[in-house]
C-alpha cells in the first residue's frame, strides 16, 4: 500500500530530492501498481 502513499505525496512542497528523481520514482511505482492491478489475484 506504500505505493499509493507515494502517489499522494505533496509534489508542490520543497524537497531535498531533485524533481527529476521524484518524477522518475513516481513513474516507476505507478507502472508497478498498474502491473499489480492488471495481474489476476492468485
PDB file of N, CA and C in Angstrom:
ATOM      1  N   UNK A   1       0.837  -1.216   0.000  1.00  0.00           N
ATOM      2  CA  UNK A   1       0.000   0.000   0.000  1.00  0.00           C
ATOM      3  C   UNK A   1       0.862   1.252   0.000  1.00  0.00           C
ATOM      4  N   UNK A   2       2.173   1.057   0.219  1.00  0.00           N
ATOM      5  CA  UNK A   2       3.082   2.204   0.252  1.00  0.00           C
ATOM      6  C   UNK A   2       3.096   2.926  -1.085  1.00  0.00           C
ATOM      7  N   UNK A   3       2.807   2.191  -2.163  1.00  0.00           N
ATOM      8  CA  UNK A   3       2.809   2.803  -3.483  1.00  0.00           C
ATOM      9  C   UNK A   3       1.793   3.916  -3.593  1.00  0.00           C
ATOM     10  N   UNK A   4       0.594   3.689  -3.032  1.00  0.00           N
ATOM     11  CA  UNK A   4      -0.455   4.699  -3.107  1.00  0.00           C
ATOM     12  C   UNK A   4      -0.105   5.900  -2.226  1.00  0.00           C
ATOM     13  N   UNK A   5       0.632   5.652  -1.126  1.00  0.00           N
ATOM     14  CA  UNK A   5       1.056   6.753  -0.265  1.00  0.00           C
ATOM     15  C   UNK A   5       1.996   7.670  -1.039  1.00  0.00           C
ATOM     16  N   UNK A   6       2.845   7.048  -1.875  1.00  0.00           N
ATOM     17  CA  UNK A   6       3.772   7.831  -2.690  1.00  0.00           C
ATOM     18  C   UNK A   6       2.999   8.680  -3.689  1.00  0.00           C
ATOM     19  N   UNK A   7       1.928   8.115  -4.251  1.00  0.00           N
ATOM     20  CA  UNK A   7       1.135   8.853  -5.233  1.00  0.00           C
ATOM     21  C   UNK A   7       0.464  10.063  -4.586  1.00  0.00           C
ATOM     22  N   UNK A   8       0.243   9.991  -3.265  1.00  0.00           N
ATOM     23  CA  UNK A   8      -0.424  11.098  -2.572  1.00  0.00           C
ATOM     24  C   UNK A   8       0.586  12.118  -2.033  1.00  0.00           C
ATOM     25  N   UNK A   9       1.864  11.912  -2.334  1.00  0.00           N
ATOM     26  CA  UNK A   9       2.889  12.847  -1.849  1.00  0.00           C
ATOM     27  C   UNK A   9       2.627  14.254  -2.391  1.00  0.00           C
ATOM     28  N   UNK A  10       2.824  15.270  -1.540  1.00  0.00           N
ATOM     29  CA  UNK A  10       2.633  16.670  -1.963  1.00  0.00           C
ATOM     30  C   UNK A  10       3.798  17.134  -2.835  1.00  0.00           C
ATOM     31  N   UNK A  11       3.666  16.965  -4.144  1.00  0.00           N
ATOM     32  CA  UNK A  11       4.756  17.284  -5.063  1.00  0.00           C
ATOM     33  C   UNK A  11       5.119  18.770  -5.041  1.00  0.00           C
ATOM     34  N   UNK A  12       4.164  19.626  -4.672  1.00  0.00           N
ATOM     35  CA  UNK A  12       4.401  21.063  -4.751  1.00  0.00           C
ATOM     36  C   UNK A  12       5.278  21.559  -3.609  1.00  0.00           C
ATOM     37  N   UNK A  13       5.508  20.705  -2.590  1.00  0.00           N
ATOM     38  CA  UNK A  13       6.314  21.132  -1.444  1.00  0.00           C
ATOM     39  C   UNK A  13       7.795  20.927  -1.730  1.00  0.00           C
ATOM     40  N   UNK A  14       8.655  21.821  -1.240  1.00  0.00           N
ATOM     41  CA  UNK A  14      10.108  21.722  -1.446  1.00  0.00           C
ATOM     42  C   UNK A  14      10.623  20.385  -0.925  1.00  0.00           C
ATOM     43  N   UNK A  15      11.584  19.817  -1.613  1.00  0.00           N
ATOM     44  CA  UNK A  15      12.138  18.534  -1.182  1.00  0.00           C
ATOM     45  C   UNK A  15      13.637  18.497  -1.444  1.00  0.00           C
ATOM     46  N   UNK A  16      14.342  17.713  -0.639  1.00  0.00           N
ATOM     47  CA  UNK A  16      15.791  17.606  -0.803  1.00  0.00           C
ATOM     48  C   UNK A  16      16.120  16.749  -2.029  1.00  0.00           C
ATOM     49  N   UNK A  17      15.112  16.000  -2.503  1.00  0.00           N
ATOM     50  CA  UNK A  17      15.324  15.166  -3.683  1.00  0.00           C
ATOM     51  C   UNK A  17      15.014  15.972  -4.943  1.00  0.00           C
ATOM     52  N   UNK A  18      15.855  15.827  -5.941  1.00  0.00           N
ATOM     53  CA  UNK A  18      15.652  16.583  -7.174  1.00  0.00           C
ATOM     54  C   UNK A  18      14.306  16.220  -7.794  1.00  0.00           C
ATOM     55  N   UNK A  19      13.664  17.196  -8.433  1.00  0.00           N
ATOM     56  CA  UNK A  19      12.342  16.992  -9.023  1.00  0.00           C
ATOM     57  C   UNK A  19      12.361  15.844 -10.018  1.00  0.00           C
ATOM     58  N   UNK A  20      13.433  15.760 -10.790  1.00  0.00           N
ATOM     59  CA  UNK A  20      13.542  14.707 -11.801  1.00  0.00           C
ATOM     60  C   UNK A  20      13.535  13.329 -11.141  1.00  0.00           C
ATOM     61  N   UNK A  21      14.284  13.205 -10.028  1.00  0.00           N
ATOM     62  CA  UNK A  21      14.356  11.911  -9.336  1.00  0.00           C
ATOM     63  C   UNK A  21      12.987  11.539  -8.788  1.00  0.00           C
ATOM     64  N   UNK A  22      12.276  12.536  -8.268  1.00  0.00           N
ATOM     65  CA  UNK A  22      10.948  12.287  -7.713  1.00  0.00           C
ATOM     66  C   UNK A  22      10.005  11.828  -8.818  1.00  0.00           C
ATOM     67  N   UNK A  23      10.067  12.495  -9.967  1.00  0.00           N
ATOM     68  CA  UNK A  23       9.177  12.136 -11.071  1.00  0.00           C
ATOM     69  C   UNK A  23       9.450  10.708 -11.537  1.00  0.00           C
ATOM     70  N   UNK A  24      10.742  10.353 -11.626  1.00  0.00           N
ATOM     71  CA  UNK A  24      11.093   9.002 -12.072  1.00  0.00           C
ATOM     72  C   UNK A  24      10.618   7.972 -11.050  1.00  0.00           C
ATOM     73  N   UNK A  25      10.746   8.312  -9.748  1.00  0.00           N
ATOM     74  CA  UNK A  25      10.328   7.382  -8.705  1.00  0.00           C
ATOM     75  C   UNK A  25       8.824   7.152  -8.775  1.00  0.00           C
ATOM     76  N   UNK A  26       8.069   8.242  -8.931  1.00  0.00           N
ATOM     77  CA  UNK A  26       6.608   8.129  -9.014  1.00  0.00           C
ATOM     78  C   UNK A  26       6.212   7.320 -10.238  1.00  0.00           C
ATOM     79  N   UNK A  27       6.857   7.587 -11.370  1.00  0.00           N
ATOM     80  CA  UNK A  27       6.533   6.873 -12.603  1.00  0.00           C
ATOM     81  C   UNK A  27       6.806   5.380 -12.447  1.00  0.00           C
ATOM     82  N   UNK A  28       7.916   5.048 -11.780  1.00  0.00           N
ATOM     83  CA  UNK A  28       8.269   3.644 -11.577  1.00  0.00           C
ATOM     84  C   UNK A  28       7.213   2.943 -10.741  1.00  0.00           C
ATOM     85  N   UNK A  29       6.811   3.573  -9.655  1.00  0.00           N
ATOM     86  CA  UNK A  29       5.803   2.953  -8.787  1.00  0.00           C
ATOM     87  C   UNK A  29       4.450   2.910  -9.479  1.00  0.00           C
ATOM     88  N   UNK A  30       4.132   3.928 -10.303  1.00  0.00           N
ATOM     89  CA  UNK A  30       2.846   3.946 -10.997  1.00  0.00           C
ATOM     90  C   UNK A  30       2.755   2.739 -11.932  1.00  0.00           C
ATOM     91  N   UNK A  31       3.826   2.475 -12.669  1.00  0.00           N
ATOM     92  CA  UNK A  31       3.836   1.335 -13.585  1.00  0.00           C
ATOM     93  C   UNK A  31       3.722   0.034 -12.800  1.00  0.00           C
ATOM     94  N   UNK A  32       4.427  -0.041 -11.659  1.00  0.00           N
ATOM     95  CA  UNK A  32       4.388  -1.261 -10.856  1.00  0.00           C
ATOM     96  C   UNK A  32       2.984  -1.490 -10.317  1.00  0.00           C
ATOM     97  N   UNK A  33       2.329  -0.409  -9.906  1.00  0.00           N
ATOM     98  CA  UNK A  33       0.962  -0.528  -9.383  1.00  0.00           C
ATOM     99  C   UNK A  33       0.029  -1.012 -10.489  1.00  0.00           C
ATOM    100  N   UNK A  34       0.196  -0.467 -11.702  1.00  0.00           N
ATOM    101  CA  UNK A  34      -0.657  -0.885 -12.818  1.00  0.00           C
ATOM    102  C   UNK A  34      -0.435  -2.363 -13.136  1.00  0.00           C
ATOM    103  N   UNK A  35       0.832  -2.812 -13.013  1.00  0.00           N
ATOM    104  CA  UNK A  35       1.137  -4.219 -13.288  1.00  0.00           C
ATOM    105  C   UNK A  35       0.451  -5.109 -12.262  1.00  0.00           C
ATOM    106  N   UNK A  36       0.478  -4.675 -11.000  1.00  0.00           N
ATOM    107  CA  UNK A  36      -0.139  -5.468  -9.934  1.00  0.00           C
ATOM    108  C   UNK A  36      -1.655  -5.506 -10.121  1.00  0.00           C
ATOM    109  N   UNK A  37      -2.229  -4.341 -10.461  1.00  0.00           N
ATOM    110  CA  UNK A  37      -3.681  -4.281 -10.631  1.00  0.00           C
ATOM    111  C   UNK A  37      -4.137  -5.081 -11.853  1.00  0.00           C
ATOM    112  N   UNK A  38      -3.295  -5.146 -12.871  1.00  0.00           N
ATOM    113  CA  UNK A  38      -3.667  -5.863 -14.094  1.00  0.00           C
ATOM    114  C   UNK A  38      -3.407  -7.363 -13.969  1.00  0.00           C
ATOM    115  N   UNK A  39      -2.763  -7.765 -12.864  1.00  0.00           N
ATOM    116  CA  UNK A  39      -2.473  -9.184 -12.673  1.00  0.00           C
ATOM    117  C   UNK A  39      -3.577  -9.832 -11.835  1.00  0.00           C
ATOM    118  N   UNK A  40      -4.199 -10.897 -12.343  1.00  0.00           N
ATOM    119  CA  UNK A  40      -5.267 -11.590 -11.603  1.00  0.00           C
ATOM    120  C   UNK A  40      -4.761 -12.092 -10.259  1.00  0.00           C
ATOM    121  N   UNK A  41      -5.569 -11.931  -9.226  1.00  0.00           N
ATOM    122  CA  UNK A  41      -5.172 -12.385  -7.890  1.00  0.00           C
ATOM    123  C   UNK A  41      -4.995 -13.901  -7.894  1.00  0.00           C
ATOM    124  N   UNK A  42      -3.914 -14.365  -7.279  1.00  0.00           N
ATOM    125  CA  UNK A  42      -3.644 -15.809  -7.264  1.00  0.00           C
ATOM    126  C   UNK A  42      -4.631 -16.525  -6.343  1.00  0.00           C
TER     127      UNK A  42
END
